[in-house]
Amino acid sequence: MVPARPAGAAASPPQRYQGARGRRSVLDVSDLEINVLEFRQRSFQFDRFVELGGRELAVFSRTETESESQFRPRLLHLRLVVPREWVVYDEPNDVLALARDGRTVPLRLSGAVTELRADLPEFKEQGIDWRRAEGSAGLLVYAPAELAEELLASDGLSRFGGS
């Protein structure tokens, strides 16, 4: 038997419920810092926020080697730049994901991980069109196609070089 609710108590959705009513609209900094974002079969860690035209963007980073098959592989510094409101928490999988509407967690598809240089510079991931640009010293920046013109211009890339 389910215990009766005390008189005058308002009904509220469970805090860990995945429905639209139970999810906060924008994750706070502590949520971003303690979780990883899965993108292109890789895990990215939250780095910082940047502002672009009055819109807050979250920057995620990852460092990896260029190719394990090379004698002296270079370090590559990957940055993923997305509107903050697109980042959602996928609770069943315990990772951050990207959702253009800020609510609907995309399907997680598995696939082979490819070397970074083998990836196409334009692709679709998690239902979003993406572009990748290369900066100096092994910097690779991923941005949604709709923001790519401003973010991936040479002067825009300089914003993402260091942490």
N, C-alpha and C. Protein backbone atom coordinates (compact mmCIF):
# COMPACT_ATOMS: atom_id res chain seq x y z
N MET A 1 0.84 -1.18 0.00
CA MET A 1 0.00 0.00 0.00
C MET A 1 0.89 1.24 0.00
N VAL A 2 0.52 2.22 -0.80
CA VAL A 2 1.28 3.47 -0.90
C VAL A 2 0.82 4.41 0.19
N PRO A 3 1.76 4.98 0.96
CA PRO A 3 1.36 5.90 2.02
C PRO A 3 0.70 7.14 1.44
N ALA A 4 -0.27 7.67 2.14
CA ALA A 4 -0.99 8.86 1.70
C ALA A 4 -0.08 10.08 1.82
N ARG A 5 -0.28 11.01 0.91
CA ARG A 5 0.47 12.26 0.94
C ARG A 5 -0.10 13.14 2.04
N PRO A 6 0.73 13.84 2.81
CA PRO A 6 0.22 14.72 3.85
C PRO A 6 -0.70 15.78 3.26
N ALA A 7 -1.68 16.18 4.01
CA ALA A 7 -2.63 17.19 3.56
C ALA A 7 -1.89 18.47 3.20
N GLY A 8 -2.24 19.04 2.06
CA GLY A 8 -1.63 20.30 1.63
C GLY A 8 -0.31 20.15 0.90
N ALA A 9 0.21 18.93 0.79
CA ALA A 9 1.48 18.73 0.09
C ALA A 9 1.23 18.73 -1.41
N ALA A 10 2.03 19.48 -2.13
CA ALA A 10 1.89 19.58 -3.59
C ALA A 10 2.56 18.38 -4.26
N ALA A 11 1.95 17.93 -5.33
CA ALA A 11 2.55 16.84 -6.11
C ALA A 11 3.73 17.40 -6.89
N SER A 12 4.82 16.69 -6.88
CA SER A 12 5.99 17.13 -7.65
C SER A 12 6.62 15.91 -8.30
N PRO A 13 7.21 16.09 -9.47
CA PRO A 13 7.83 14.95 -10.14
C PRO A 13 9.10 14.54 -9.39
N PRO A 14 9.46 13.27 -9.45
CA PRO A 14 10.70 12.84 -8.82
C PRO A 14 11.88 13.62 -9.38
N GLN A 15 12.86 13.92 -8.57
CA GLN A 15 13.99 14.72 -9.01
C GLN A 15 14.86 14.03 -10.06
N ARG A 16 14.88 12.70 -10.08
CA ARG A 16 15.73 12.00 -11.03
C ARG A 16 14.93 11.46 -12.22
N TYR A 17 13.71 11.93 -12.37
CA TYR A 17 12.87 11.53 -13.50
C TYR A 17 13.41 12.16 -14.78
N GLN A 18 13.43 11.37 -15.88
CA GLN A 18 14.01 11.87 -17.12
C GLN A 18 13.05 12.66 -17.98
N GLY A 19 11.79 12.78 -17.61
CA GLY A 19 10.84 13.51 -18.42
C GLY A 19 11.15 14.99 -18.46
N ALA A 20 10.53 15.68 -19.39
CA ALA A 20 10.80 17.11 -19.58
C ALA A 20 10.49 17.93 -18.33
N ARG A 21 9.48 17.53 -17.55
CA ARG A 21 9.13 18.31 -16.36
C ARG A 21 10.21 18.22 -15.29
N GLY A 22 10.90 17.09 -15.18
CA GLY A 22 11.86 16.89 -14.11
C GLY A 22 13.26 17.38 -14.41
N ARG A 23 13.55 17.70 -15.66
CA ARG A 23 14.90 18.08 -16.06
C ARG A 23 15.07 19.59 -15.98
N ARG A 24 16.19 20.01 -15.40
CA ARG A 24 16.49 21.43 -15.39
C ARG A 24 16.77 21.89 -16.81
N SER A 25 16.45 23.13 -17.13
CA SER A 25 16.61 23.58 -18.50
C SER A 25 18.08 23.72 -18.88
N VAL A 26 18.93 24.16 -17.97
CA VAL A 26 20.36 24.32 -18.28
C VAL A 26 21.15 23.74 -17.12
N LEU A 27 22.13 22.91 -17.44
CA LEU A 27 22.97 22.30 -16.40
C LEU A 27 23.88 23.35 -15.78
N ASP A 28 24.13 23.24 -14.49
CA ASP A 28 25.03 24.20 -13.86
C ASP A 28 26.48 23.73 -14.01
N VAL A 29 27.39 24.58 -13.59
CA VAL A 29 28.82 24.32 -13.78
C VAL A 29 29.26 23.02 -13.09
N SER A 30 28.74 22.75 -11.90
CA SER A 30 29.16 21.53 -11.20
C SER A 30 28.73 20.28 -11.96
N ASP A 31 27.53 20.31 -12.61
CA ASP A 31 27.11 19.18 -13.44
C ASP A 31 28.05 18.98 -14.61
N LEU A 32 28.48 20.07 -15.21
CA LEU A 32 29.38 19.98 -16.37
C LEU A 32 30.77 19.49 -15.96
N GLU A 33 31.24 19.93 -14.81
CA GLU A 33 32.60 19.58 -14.38
C GLU A 33 32.76 18.12 -13.96
N ILE A 34 31.73 17.51 -13.40
CA ILE A 34 31.89 16.15 -12.88
C ILE A 34 31.50 15.07 -13.89
N ASN A 35 31.01 15.46 -15.05
CA ASN A 35 30.61 14.49 -16.06
C ASN A 35 31.39 14.69 -17.34
N VAL A 36 31.44 13.66 -18.17
CA VAL A 36 32.09 13.77 -19.47
C VAL A 36 31.02 13.80 -20.56
N LEU A 37 31.37 14.44 -21.66
CA LEU A 37 30.48 14.53 -22.81
C LEU A 37 31.00 13.56 -23.87
N GLU A 38 30.13 12.71 -24.36
CA GLU A 38 30.51 11.77 -25.41
C GLU A 38 30.24 12.40 -26.76
N PHE A 39 31.28 12.40 -27.61
CA PHE A 39 31.19 12.98 -28.94
C PHE A 39 32.19 12.27 -29.84
N ARG A 40 31.73 11.76 -30.98
CA ARG A 40 32.58 11.04 -31.94
C ARG A 40 33.27 9.85 -31.30
N GLN A 41 32.60 9.16 -30.40
CA GLN A 41 33.12 7.99 -29.69
C GLN A 41 34.32 8.34 -28.79
N ARG A 42 34.37 9.58 -28.34
CA ARG A 42 35.43 10.04 -27.44
C ARG A 42 34.79 10.78 -26.28
N SER A 43 35.50 10.82 -25.17
CA SER A 43 35.02 11.54 -23.99
C SER A 43 35.71 12.89 -23.89
N PHE A 44 34.93 13.93 -23.72
CA PHE A 44 35.44 15.29 -23.58
C PHE A 44 35.10 15.80 -22.19
N GLN A 45 36.01 16.56 -21.60
CA GLN A 45 35.83 17.14 -20.27
C GLN A 45 35.49 18.62 -20.41
N PHE A 46 34.58 19.11 -19.56
CA PHE A 46 34.24 20.53 -19.58
C PHE A 46 35.47 21.36 -19.28
N ASP A 47 35.64 22.45 -20.05
CA ASP A 47 36.81 23.32 -19.89
C ASP A 47 36.41 24.70 -19.38
N ARG A 48 35.53 25.38 -20.11
CA ARG A 48 35.16 26.75 -19.72
C ARG A 48 33.97 27.23 -20.57
N PHE A 49 33.52 28.45 -20.28
CA PHE A 49 32.49 29.10 -21.08
C PHE A 49 33.12 30.23 -21.88
N VAL A 50 32.59 30.47 -23.06
CA VAL A 50 32.94 31.66 -23.85
C VAL A 50 31.62 32.28 -24.30
N GLU A 51 31.66 33.56 -24.64
CA GLU A 51 30.46 34.22 -25.10
C GLU A 51 30.63 34.62 -26.55
N LEU A 52 29.58 34.44 -27.32
CA LEU A 52 29.58 34.79 -28.74
C LEU A 52 28.27 35.47 -29.05
N GLY A 53 28.34 36.76 -29.32
CA GLY A 53 27.13 37.50 -29.66
C GLY A 53 26.05 37.42 -28.60
N GLY A 54 26.41 37.45 -27.33
CA GLY A 54 25.46 37.40 -26.25
C GLY A 54 24.97 35.99 -25.92
N ARG A 55 25.51 34.99 -26.58
CA ARG A 55 25.11 33.59 -26.33
C ARG A 55 26.26 32.88 -25.62
N GLU A 56 25.93 32.18 -24.54
CA GLU A 56 26.95 31.46 -23.77
C GLU A 56 27.22 30.10 -24.41
N LEU A 57 28.49 29.85 -24.69
CA LEU A 57 28.91 28.59 -25.30
C LEU A 57 29.77 27.81 -24.31
N ALA A 58 29.57 26.52 -24.26
CA ALA A 58 30.39 25.65 -23.41
C ALA A 58 31.51 25.07 -24.26
N VAL A 59 32.71 25.06 -23.71
CA VAL A 59 33.87 24.51 -24.39
C VAL A 59 34.29 23.25 -23.65
N PHE A 60 34.38 22.16 -24.39
CA PHE A 60 34.84 20.88 -23.85
C PHE A 60 36.17 20.56 -24.50
N SER A 61 37.05 19.89 -23.78
CA SER A 61 38.38 19.62 -24.33
C SER A 61 38.81 18.18 -24.12
N ARG A 62 39.77 17.80 -24.92
CA ARG A 62 40.37 16.47 -24.85
C ARG A 62 41.74 16.57 -25.49
N THR A 63 42.71 15.85 -24.95
CA THR A 63 44.04 15.78 -25.54
C THR A 63 44.34 14.33 -25.84
N GLU A 64 44.84 14.07 -27.04
CA GLU A 64 45.21 12.71 -27.41
C GLU A 64 46.36 12.75 -28.40
N THR A 65 46.92 11.60 -28.68
CA THR A 65 48.02 11.54 -29.64
C THR A 65 47.47 11.44 -31.05
N GLU A 66 48.24 11.98 -31.99
CA GLU A 66 47.81 12.03 -33.38
C GLU A 66 47.59 10.64 -33.96
N SER A 67 48.55 9.78 -33.79
CA SER A 67 48.44 8.42 -34.33
C SER A 67 49.39 7.52 -33.58
N GLU A 68 48.87 6.41 -33.10
CA GLU A 68 49.72 5.47 -32.36
C GLU A 68 50.71 4.76 -33.28
N SER A 69 50.44 4.81 -34.58
CA SER A 69 51.30 4.09 -35.52
C SER A 69 52.53 4.90 -35.92
N GLN A 70 52.57 6.18 -35.59
CA GLN A 70 53.72 7.00 -35.93
C GLN A 70 54.83 6.84 -34.90
N PHE A 71 56.06 7.07 -35.36
CA PHE A 71 57.21 6.94 -34.47
C PHE A 71 57.16 8.01 -33.37
N ARG A 72 56.90 9.24 -33.74
CA ARG A 72 56.78 10.33 -32.77
C ARG A 72 55.46 11.07 -32.99
N PRO A 73 54.40 10.53 -32.47
CA PRO A 73 53.10 11.19 -32.69
C PRO A 73 53.01 12.52 -31.95
N ARG A 74 52.33 13.46 -32.57
CA ARG A 74 52.11 14.77 -31.96
C ARG A 74 50.90 14.72 -31.03
N LEU A 75 50.88 15.60 -30.06
CA LEU A 75 49.69 15.75 -29.23
C LEU A 75 48.68 16.60 -29.97
N LEU A 76 47.43 16.18 -29.93
CA LEU A 76 46.34 16.95 -30.52
C LEU A 76 45.45 17.46 -29.39
N HIS A 77 45.09 18.71 -29.49
CA HIS A 77 44.24 19.35 -28.49
C HIS A 77 42.88 19.59 -29.14
N LEU A 78 41.88 18.82 -28.73
CA LEU A 78 40.55 18.90 -29.30
C LEU A 78 39.67 19.80 -28.45
N ARG A 79 38.91 20.64 -29.11
CA ARG A 79 37.94 21.50 -28.43
C ARG A 79 36.60 21.30 -29.12
N LEU A 80 35.58 21.17 -28.34
CA LEU A 80 34.21 21.06 -28.81
C LEU A 80 33.46 22.26 -28.25
N VAL A 81 32.89 23.08 -29.13
CA VAL A 81 32.22 24.31 -28.71
C VAL A 81 30.75 24.21 -29.06
N VAL A 82 29.89 24.30 -28.05
CA VAL A 82 28.44 24.17 -28.25
C VAL A 82 27.68 25.18 -27.41
N PRO A 83 26.48 25.57 -27.86
CA PRO A 83 25.64 26.41 -27.00
C PRO A 83 25.37 25.69 -25.68
N ARG A 84 25.48 26.41 -24.60
CA ARG A 84 25.32 25.80 -23.28
C ARG A 84 23.98 25.09 -23.12
N GLU A 85 22.93 25.65 -23.69
CA GLU A 85 21.60 25.07 -23.52
C GLU A 85 21.42 23.75 -24.29
N TRP A 86 22.34 23.39 -25.16
CA TRP A 86 22.27 22.12 -25.88
C TRP A 86 22.80 20.96 -25.06
N VAL A 87 23.52 21.22 -24.00
CA VAL A 87 24.14 20.16 -23.21
C VAL A 87 23.11 19.60 -22.22
N VAL A 88 22.87 18.30 -22.30
CA VAL A 88 21.91 17.63 -21.43
C VAL A 88 22.58 16.45 -20.74
N TYR A 89 22.00 16.05 -19.64
CA TYR A 89 22.53 14.90 -18.89
C TYR A 89 21.74 13.66 -19.27
N ASP A 90 22.43 12.66 -19.77
CA ASP A 90 21.84 11.37 -20.11
C ASP A 90 22.02 10.48 -18.90
N GLU A 91 21.04 10.50 -18.00
CA GLU A 91 21.18 9.83 -16.71
C GLU A 91 21.38 8.32 -16.81
N PRO A 92 20.62 7.59 -17.65
CA PRO A 92 20.83 6.13 -17.69
C PRO A 92 22.25 5.74 -18.09
N ASN A 93 22.89 6.56 -18.94
CA ASN A 93 24.25 6.25 -19.38
C ASN A 93 25.30 7.03 -18.60
N ASP A 94 24.87 7.92 -17.71
CA ASP A 94 25.74 8.71 -16.85
C ASP A 94 26.79 9.50 -17.64
N VAL A 95 26.34 10.15 -18.71
CA VAL A 95 27.21 11.01 -19.52
C VAL A 95 26.42 12.25 -19.95
N LEU A 96 27.15 13.24 -20.41
CA LEU A 96 26.52 14.41 -21.01
C LEU A 96 26.32 14.11 -22.49
N ALA A 97 25.28 14.66 -23.06
CA ALA A 97 24.99 14.49 -24.48
C ALA A 97 24.55 15.84 -25.03
N LEU A 98 24.41 15.92 -26.34
CA LEU A 98 24.00 17.15 -26.99
C LEU A 98 22.60 17.00 -27.58
N ALA A 99 21.76 17.97 -27.31
CA ALA A 99 20.40 17.98 -27.84
C ALA A 99 20.08 19.39 -28.29
N ARG A 100 19.79 19.54 -29.56
CA ARG A 100 19.51 20.87 -30.11
C ARG A 100 18.36 21.55 -29.37
N ASP A 101 17.36 20.77 -28.95
CA ASP A 101 16.21 21.35 -28.24
C ASP A 101 16.46 21.49 -26.74
N GLY A 102 17.60 21.01 -26.25
CA GLY A 102 17.93 21.13 -24.84
C GLY A 102 17.19 20.16 -23.94
N ARG A 103 16.44 19.20 -24.51
CA ARG A 103 15.66 18.26 -23.71
C ARG A 103 15.80 16.82 -24.16
N THR A 104 15.68 16.58 -25.45
CA THR A 104 15.61 15.22 -25.98
C THR A 104 16.99 14.61 -26.10
N VAL A 105 17.27 13.63 -25.27
CA VAL A 105 18.57 12.96 -25.32
C VAL A 105 18.61 12.13 -26.60
N PRO A 106 19.63 12.33 -27.43
CA PRO A 106 19.70 11.59 -28.69
C PRO A 106 20.02 10.12 -28.47
N LEU A 107 19.69 9.31 -29.46
CA LEU A 107 20.05 7.90 -29.40
C LEU A 107 21.55 7.76 -29.42
N ARG A 108 22.05 6.84 -28.64
CA ARG A 108 23.51 6.59 -28.62
C ARG A 108 23.80 5.48 -29.60
N LEU A 109 24.52 5.81 -30.62
CA LEU A 109 24.90 4.82 -31.61
C LEU A 109 26.35 4.44 -31.39
N SER A 110 26.64 3.17 -31.55
CA SER A 110 28.03 2.75 -31.41
C SER A 110 28.64 2.65 -32.79
N GLY A 111 29.91 2.83 -32.85
CA GLY A 111 30.63 2.76 -34.12
C GLY A 111 32.11 2.68 -33.85
N ALA A 112 32.84 2.47 -34.90
CA ALA A 112 34.29 2.38 -34.78
C ALA A 112 34.90 3.76 -34.56
N VAL A 113 35.90 3.82 -33.73
CA VAL A 113 36.63 5.07 -33.52
C VAL A 113 37.68 5.15 -34.62
N THR A 114 37.72 6.29 -35.30
CA THR A 114 38.71 6.49 -36.35
C THR A 114 39.76 7.48 -35.88
N GLU A 115 40.91 7.43 -36.53
CA GLU A 115 41.94 8.42 -36.22
C GLU A 115 41.42 9.78 -36.63
N LEU A 116 41.82 10.81 -35.90
CA LEU A 116 41.30 12.15 -36.12
C LEU A 116 41.51 12.65 -37.54
N ARG A 117 42.67 12.37 -38.10
CA ARG A 117 42.96 12.86 -39.45
C ARG A 117 42.10 12.14 -40.50
N ALA A 118 41.54 10.99 -40.17
CA ALA A 118 40.69 10.26 -41.11
C ALA A 118 39.25 10.77 -41.08
N ASP A 119 38.88 11.52 -40.06
CA ASP A 119 37.53 12.08 -39.97
C ASP A 119 37.33 13.15 -41.05
N LEU A 120 36.12 13.20 -41.56
CA LEU A 120 35.78 14.26 -42.52
C LEU A 120 35.63 15.59 -41.77
N PRO A 121 35.96 16.71 -42.43
CA PRO A 121 35.83 18.01 -41.76
C PRO A 121 34.38 18.45 -41.57
N GLU A 122 33.43 17.84 -42.30
CA GLU A 122 32.00 18.13 -42.13
C GLU A 122 31.28 16.81 -41.95
N PHE A 123 30.42 16.73 -40.94
CA PHE A 123 29.74 15.47 -40.63
C PHE A 123 28.50 15.76 -39.80
N LYS A 124 27.72 14.74 -39.57
CA LYS A 124 26.52 14.85 -38.73
C LYS A 124 26.70 13.92 -37.53
N GLU A 125 26.46 14.44 -36.34
CA GLU A 125 26.61 13.67 -35.09
C GLU A 125 25.50 14.09 -34.15
N GLN A 126 24.83 13.13 -33.54
CA GLN A 126 23.75 13.39 -32.59
C GLN A 126 22.68 14.30 -33.18
N GLY A 127 22.42 14.15 -34.49
CA GLY A 127 21.39 14.92 -35.15
C GLY A 127 21.75 16.36 -35.47
N ILE A 128 23.02 16.71 -35.34
CA ILE A 128 23.48 18.09 -35.54
C ILE A 128 24.57 18.08 -36.61
N ASP A 129 24.55 19.06 -37.52
CA ASP A 129 25.61 19.20 -38.52
C ASP A 129 26.80 19.89 -37.88
N TRP A 130 28.01 19.35 -38.13
CA TRP A 130 29.24 19.82 -37.50
C TRP A 130 30.29 20.15 -38.54
N ARG A 131 31.20 21.02 -38.12
CA ARG A 131 32.41 21.30 -38.91
C ARG A 131 33.60 21.26 -37.97
N ARG A 132 34.73 20.88 -38.53
CA ARG A 132 35.97 20.82 -37.77
C ARG A 132 37.01 21.68 -38.48
N ALA A 133 37.77 22.43 -37.72
CA ALA A 133 38.85 23.25 -38.28
C ALA A 133 40.11 22.99 -37.49
N GLU A 134 41.23 23.22 -38.14
CA GLU A 134 42.52 22.98 -37.51
C GLU A 134 43.24 24.30 -37.29
N GLY A 135 43.72 24.46 -36.07
CA GLY A 135 44.49 25.65 -35.74
C GLY A 135 45.96 25.30 -35.62
N SER A 136 46.71 26.13 -34.96
CA SER A 136 48.15 25.89 -34.80
C SER A 136 48.42 24.93 -33.65
N ALA A 137 49.59 24.34 -33.66
CA ALA A 137 50.09 23.47 -32.59
C ALA A 137 49.15 22.30 -32.27
N GLY A 138 48.56 21.70 -33.30
CA GLY A 138 47.74 20.52 -33.08
C GLY A 138 46.36 20.78 -32.52
N LEU A 139 45.84 21.98 -32.69
CA LEU A 139 44.51 22.33 -32.19
C LEU A 139 43.46 21.95 -33.22
N LEU A 140 42.45 21.19 -32.80
CA LEU A 140 41.29 20.85 -33.64
C LEU A 140 40.04 21.32 -32.91
N VAL A 141 39.22 22.12 -33.59
CA VAL A 141 38.02 22.67 -32.97
C VAL A 141 36.80 22.18 -33.74
N TYR A 142 35.83 21.62 -33.00
CA TYR A 142 34.56 21.18 -33.56
C TYR A 142 33.49 22.20 -33.16
N ALA A 143 32.65 22.59 -34.13
CA ALA A 143 31.58 23.54 -33.85
C ALA A 143 30.35 23.18 -34.69
N PRO A 144 29.15 23.50 -34.19
CA PRO A 144 27.95 23.28 -35.00
C PRO A 144 28.07 24.10 -36.29
N ALA A 145 27.59 23.56 -37.39
CA ALA A 145 27.70 24.23 -38.69
C ALA A 145 27.10 25.63 -38.65
N GLU A 146 26.03 25.84 -37.90
CA GLU A 146 25.38 27.15 -37.85
C GLU A 146 26.24 28.22 -37.18
N LEU A 147 27.21 27.80 -36.36
CA LEU A 147 28.11 28.76 -35.69
C LEU A 147 29.52 28.70 -36.25
N ALA A 148 29.76 27.81 -37.18
CA ALA A 148 31.12 27.53 -37.65
C ALA A 148 31.79 28.73 -38.31
N GLU A 149 31.05 29.51 -39.06
CA GLU A 149 31.68 30.62 -39.77
C GLU A 149 32.40 31.57 -38.81
N GLU A 150 31.76 31.89 -37.71
CA GLU A 150 32.38 32.80 -36.75
C GLU A 150 33.39 32.10 -35.84
N LEU A 151 33.05 30.89 -35.36
CA LEU A 151 33.92 30.20 -34.42
C LEU A 151 35.18 29.63 -35.05
N LEU A 152 35.08 29.19 -36.30
CA LEU A 152 36.21 28.50 -36.91
C LEU A 152 37.05 29.38 -37.82
N ALA A 153 36.76 30.67 -37.86
CA ALA A 153 37.63 31.60 -38.58
C ALA A 153 38.96 31.66 -37.83
N SER A 154 40.02 32.03 -38.52
CA SER A 154 41.34 31.98 -37.87
C SER A 154 41.41 32.81 -36.59
N ASP A 155 40.75 33.97 -36.56
CA ASP A 155 40.78 34.77 -35.32
C ASP A 155 39.90 34.12 -34.25
N GLY A 156 38.86 33.40 -34.65
CA GLY A 156 38.01 32.69 -33.68
C GLY A 156 38.71 31.49 -33.07
N LEU A 157 39.52 30.80 -33.86
CA LEU A 157 40.24 29.63 -33.36
C LEU A 157 41.22 29.99 -32.25
N SER A 158 41.77 31.18 -32.29
CA SER A 158 42.75 31.57 -31.27
C SER A 158 42.15 31.60 -29.87
N ARG A 159 40.82 31.76 -29.77
CA ARG A 159 40.15 31.76 -28.45
C ARG A 159 40.26 30.41 -27.75
N PHE A 160 40.44 29.34 -28.53
CA PHE A 160 40.36 27.99 -27.96
C PHE A 160 41.71 27.31 -27.81
N GLY A 161 42.79 28.02 -28.05
CA GLY A 161 44.12 27.40 -27.98
C GLY A 161 44.52 26.95 -26.60
N GLY A 162 44.31 27.74 -25.60
CA GLY A 162 44.74 27.37 -24.25
C GLY A 162 43.56 27.29 -23.32
N SER A 163 43.79 26.72 -22.15
CA SER A 163 42.71 26.61 -21.17
C SER A 163 42.78 27.76 -20.21
